[in-house]
Amino acid sequence: MRNDDKQQPTFGEDFQPGDPSWYDKFAVAFRGLQVAMTQEKSFIGHFTISAGVIVAGYFLVISKMEWCVVVLCMMAGLSVEHLNTSVER
């Protein structure tokens, strides 16, 4: 089977065949972050706590390895909260 014989999958009305640019991918990701930060109370709470942890880490002068662990845990928590929000909708 040739490449032009393959049928493109359709994922909805806004789906456009072809590979979107990196700019488009990041624009969609940041739009999702903006929606979560303006409309989801639980995400706003998690984000606020994460900001507080960053401030506390700065004043406690934690090591680079501890910063890596803290940032990894914050990103995991925010990612899971985003996933939870998408499942709830």
N, C-alpha and C. Protein backbone atom coordinates (compact mmCIF):
# COMPACT_ATOMS: atom_id res chain seq x y z
N MET A 1 0.85 -1.17 0.00
CA MET A 1 0.00 0.00 0.00
C MET A 1 0.90 1.24 0.00
N ARG A 2 0.60 2.17 -0.86
CA ARG A 2 1.37 3.40 -0.95
C ARG A 2 0.92 4.36 0.15
N ASN A 3 1.79 5.35 0.45
CA ASN A 3 1.47 6.33 1.49
C ASN A 3 0.24 7.15 1.15
N ASP A 4 0.06 7.49 -0.14
CA ASP A 4 -1.08 8.33 -0.49
C ASP A 4 -2.39 7.54 -0.49
N ASP A 5 -2.31 6.20 -0.38
CA ASP A 5 -3.52 5.39 -0.30
C ASP A 5 -4.06 5.29 1.13
N LYS A 6 -3.23 5.64 2.10
CA LYS A 6 -3.67 5.56 3.49
C LYS A 6 -4.66 6.67 3.79
N GLN A 7 -5.68 6.32 4.55
CA GLN A 7 -6.69 7.30 4.91
C GLN A 7 -6.30 7.98 6.21
N GLN A 8 -6.40 9.31 6.25
CA GLN A 8 -6.07 10.07 7.45
C GLN A 8 -7.17 9.88 8.49
N PRO A 9 -6.80 9.66 9.76
CA PRO A 9 -7.83 9.55 10.80
C PRO A 9 -8.46 10.91 11.04
N THR A 10 -9.71 10.91 11.43
CA THR A 10 -10.39 12.16 11.76
C THR A 10 -10.66 12.17 13.26
N PHE A 11 -10.30 13.24 13.91
CA PHE A 11 -10.45 13.35 15.35
C PHE A 11 -11.45 14.42 15.74
N GLY A 12 -12.16 15.00 14.83
CA GLY A 12 -13.11 16.05 15.13
C GLY A 12 -13.07 17.10 14.05
N GLU A 13 -13.92 18.07 14.21
CA GLU A 13 -14.03 19.11 13.19
C GLU A 13 -12.78 19.97 13.09
N ASP A 14 -12.08 20.19 14.22
CA ASP A 14 -10.93 21.07 14.20
C ASP A 14 -9.63 20.36 13.84
N PHE A 15 -9.69 19.05 13.54
CA PHE A 15 -8.49 18.32 13.17
C PHE A 15 -8.04 18.72 11.78
N GLN A 16 -6.75 19.02 11.65
CA GLN A 16 -6.18 19.35 10.36
C GLN A 16 -5.05 18.38 10.10
N PRO A 17 -5.08 17.68 8.97
CA PRO A 17 -4.02 16.72 8.67
C PRO A 17 -2.67 17.43 8.55
N GLY A 18 -1.65 16.68 8.80
CA GLY A 18 -0.31 17.24 8.73
C GLY A 18 0.27 17.40 10.12
N ASP A 19 1.54 17.62 10.17
CA ASP A 19 2.23 17.77 11.44
C ASP A 19 2.19 19.22 11.87
N PRO A 20 1.55 19.53 13.01
CA PRO A 20 1.53 20.93 13.46
C PRO A 20 2.93 21.38 13.87
N SER A 21 3.17 22.65 13.76
CA SER A 21 4.49 23.18 14.11
C SER A 21 4.68 23.16 15.62
N TRP A 22 5.92 23.31 16.06
CA TRP A 22 6.20 23.36 17.48
C TRP A 22 5.50 24.54 18.13
N TYR A 23 5.42 25.64 17.41
CA TYR A 23 4.73 26.82 17.92
C TYR A 23 3.27 26.49 18.23
N ASP A 24 2.61 25.78 17.30
CA ASP A 24 1.21 25.40 17.50
C ASP A 24 1.05 24.46 18.69
N LYS A 25 1.98 23.53 18.83
CA LYS A 25 1.92 22.59 19.95
C LYS A 25 2.04 23.31 21.29
N PHE A 26 3.00 24.23 21.37
CA PHE A 26 3.18 24.96 22.62
C PHE A 26 2.03 25.93 22.86
N ALA A 27 1.47 26.51 21.80
CA ALA A 27 0.33 27.42 21.95
C ALA A 27 -0.86 26.68 22.57
N VAL A 28 -1.11 25.47 22.13
CA VAL A 28 -2.21 24.67 22.69
C VAL A 28 -1.91 24.31 24.14
N ALA A 29 -0.66 23.95 24.44
CA ALA A 29 -0.29 23.59 25.81
C ALA A 29 -0.46 24.79 26.75
N PHE A 30 -0.02 25.96 26.33
CA PHE A 30 -0.16 27.14 27.18
C PHE A 30 -1.61 27.59 27.30
N ARG A 31 -2.41 27.33 26.26
CA ARG A 31 -3.83 27.63 26.37
C ARG A 31 -4.50 26.74 27.42
N GLY A 32 -4.11 25.49 27.46
CA GLY A 32 -4.62 24.58 28.48
C GLY A 32 -4.21 25.00 29.88
N LEU A 33 -2.97 25.47 30.01
CA LEU A 33 -2.50 25.96 31.30
C LEU A 33 -3.27 27.20 31.72
N GLN A 34 -3.54 28.09 30.76
CA GLN A 34 -4.30 29.30 31.05
C GLN A 34 -5.72 28.96 31.50
N VAL A 35 -6.34 28.03 30.82
CA VAL A 35 -7.71 27.62 31.20
C VAL A 35 -7.71 27.02 32.60
N ALA A 36 -6.73 26.18 32.90
CA ALA A 36 -6.66 25.55 34.22
C ALA A 36 -6.44 26.59 35.31
N MET A 37 -5.61 27.58 35.04
CA MET A 37 -5.30 28.58 36.08
C MET A 37 -6.42 29.59 36.27
N THR A 38 -7.29 29.74 35.30
CA THR A 38 -8.37 30.73 35.44
C THR A 38 -9.70 30.10 35.81
N GLN A 39 -9.88 28.80 35.56
CA GLN A 39 -11.20 28.21 35.76
C GLN A 39 -11.24 27.08 36.79
N GLU A 40 -10.12 26.50 37.13
CA GLU A 40 -10.11 25.35 38.03
C GLU A 40 -9.59 25.73 39.41
N LYS A 41 -10.46 25.72 40.40
CA LYS A 41 -10.07 26.13 41.75
C LYS A 41 -9.01 25.21 42.35
N SER A 42 -9.13 23.92 42.12
CA SER A 42 -8.15 22.99 42.69
C SER A 42 -6.77 23.19 42.07
N PHE A 43 -6.72 23.47 40.78
CA PHE A 43 -5.43 23.71 40.13
C PHE A 43 -4.80 25.00 40.65
N ILE A 44 -5.63 26.02 40.85
CA ILE A 44 -5.13 27.28 41.41
C ILE A 44 -4.55 27.04 42.79
N GLY A 45 -5.21 26.22 43.59
CA GLY A 45 -4.71 25.88 44.92
C GLY A 45 -3.38 25.15 44.86
N HIS A 46 -3.28 24.15 43.98
CA HIS A 46 -2.02 23.42 43.82
C HIS A 46 -0.90 24.35 43.34
N PHE A 47 -1.24 25.24 42.42
CA PHE A 47 -0.24 26.16 41.88
C PHE A 47 0.23 27.12 42.97
N THR A 48 -0.68 27.60 43.80
CA THR A 48 -0.32 28.50 44.90
C THR A 48 0.58 27.80 45.91
N ILE A 49 0.26 26.57 46.25
CA ILE A 49 1.09 25.80 47.17
C ILE A 49 2.47 25.58 46.57
N SER A 50 2.54 25.30 45.28
CA SER A 50 3.82 25.11 44.60
C SER A 50 4.66 26.38 44.66
N ALA A 51 4.03 27.53 44.47
CA ALA A 51 4.76 28.80 44.58
C ALA A 51 5.28 28.99 45.99
N GLY A 52 4.49 28.62 46.99
CA GLY A 52 4.93 28.70 48.39
C GLY A 52 6.11 27.79 48.67
N VAL A 53 6.12 26.61 48.07
CA VAL A 53 7.23 25.68 48.24
C VAL A 53 8.50 26.26 47.63
N ILE A 54 8.38 26.93 46.49
CA ILE A 54 9.55 27.56 45.87
C ILE A 54 10.12 28.64 46.78
N VAL A 55 9.25 29.46 47.35
CA VAL A 55 9.70 30.51 48.27
C VAL A 55 10.37 29.89 49.50
N ALA A 56 9.76 28.85 50.06
CA ALA A 56 10.33 28.18 51.23
C ALA A 56 11.69 27.57 50.90
N GLY A 57 11.81 26.97 49.73
CA GLY A 57 13.09 26.39 49.32
C GLY A 57 14.17 27.44 49.17
N TYR A 58 13.79 28.61 48.70
CA TYR A 58 14.74 29.70 48.56
C TYR A 58 15.25 30.15 49.94
N PHE A 59 14.34 30.32 50.90
CA PHE A 59 14.75 30.78 52.22
C PHE A 59 15.47 29.70 53.03
N LEU A 60 15.18 28.44 52.75
CA LEU A 60 15.86 27.34 53.45
C LEU A 60 17.17 26.94 52.80
N VAL A 61 17.50 27.55 51.65
CA VAL A 61 18.74 27.32 50.91
C VAL A 61 18.97 25.82 50.71
N ILE A 62 18.05 25.20 49.98
CA ILE A 62 18.16 23.76 49.73
C ILE A 62 19.17 23.52 48.62
N SER A 63 19.73 22.31 48.59
CA SER A 63 20.77 21.95 47.63
C SER A 63 20.18 21.77 46.23
N LYS A 64 21.06 21.67 45.24
CA LYS A 64 20.61 21.49 43.85
C LYS A 64 19.84 20.18 43.68
N MET A 65 20.30 19.13 44.35
CA MET A 65 19.60 17.85 44.25
C MET A 65 18.21 17.95 44.88
N GLU A 66 18.11 18.65 45.99
CA GLU A 66 16.80 18.84 46.62
C GLU A 66 15.88 19.68 45.73
N TRP A 67 16.45 20.67 45.04
CA TRP A 67 15.65 21.46 44.10
C TRP A 67 15.10 20.56 42.99
N CYS A 68 15.94 19.66 42.51
CA CYS A 68 15.48 18.74 41.45
C CYS A 68 14.31 17.90 41.94
N VAL A 69 14.42 17.38 43.14
CA VAL A 69 13.34 16.55 43.71
C VAL A 69 12.08 17.38 43.91
N VAL A 70 12.24 18.60 44.46
CA VAL A 70 11.09 19.47 44.71
C VAL A 70 10.39 19.82 43.40
N VAL A 71 11.14 20.21 42.39
CA VAL A 71 10.55 20.58 41.10
C VAL A 71 9.88 19.38 40.45
N LEU A 72 10.52 18.22 40.52
CA LEU A 72 9.93 17.01 39.95
C LEU A 72 8.61 16.68 40.64
N CYS A 73 8.56 16.79 41.95
CA CYS A 73 7.32 16.52 42.70
C CYS A 73 6.24 17.54 42.37
N MET A 74 6.62 18.81 42.25
CA MET A 74 5.63 19.84 41.89
C MET A 74 5.07 19.58 40.49
N MET A 75 5.94 19.28 39.55
CA MET A 75 5.48 19.03 38.19
C MET A 75 4.58 17.80 38.13
N ALA A 76 4.94 16.77 38.89
CA ALA A 76 4.10 15.57 38.92
C ALA A 76 2.72 15.89 39.50
N GLY A 77 2.70 16.65 40.59
CA GLY A 77 1.43 17.02 41.22
C GLY A 77 0.56 17.85 40.30
N LEU A 78 1.15 18.84 39.64
CA LEU A 78 0.38 19.69 38.73
C LEU A 78 -0.08 18.90 37.50
N SER A 79 0.75 17.99 37.02
CA SER A 79 0.35 17.16 35.87
C SER A 79 -0.81 16.24 36.22
N VAL A 80 -0.75 15.64 37.39
CA VAL A 80 -1.85 14.76 37.81
C VAL A 80 -3.12 15.57 38.02
N GLU A 81 -3.00 16.77 38.55
CA GLU A 81 -4.17 17.63 38.72
C GLU A 81 -4.78 18.00 37.36
N HIS A 82 -3.93 18.27 36.37
CA HIS A 82 -4.41 18.55 35.02
C HIS A 82 -5.13 17.32 34.45
N LEU A 83 -4.54 16.16 34.65
CA LEU A 83 -5.16 14.92 34.17
C LEU A 83 -6.49 14.69 34.87
N ASN A 84 -6.56 14.93 36.16
CA ASN A 84 -7.80 14.78 36.90
C ASN A 84 -8.88 15.73 36.38
N THR A 85 -8.49 16.96 36.09
CA THR A 85 -9.44 17.93 35.55
C THR A 85 -9.99 17.47 34.21
N SER A 86 -9.12 16.91 33.36
CA SER A 86 -9.59 16.47 32.05
C SER A 86 -10.52 15.27 32.17
N VAL A 87 -10.29 14.40 33.14
CA VAL A 87 -11.16 13.24 33.35
C VAL A 87 -12.51 13.68 33.90
N GLU A 88 -12.50 14.67 34.79
CA GLU A 88 -13.75 15.14 35.38
C GLU A 88 -14.67 15.79 34.36
N ARG A 89 -14.10 16.41 33.34
CA ARG A 89 -14.91 17.06 32.32
C ARG A 89 -15.35 16.04 31.36
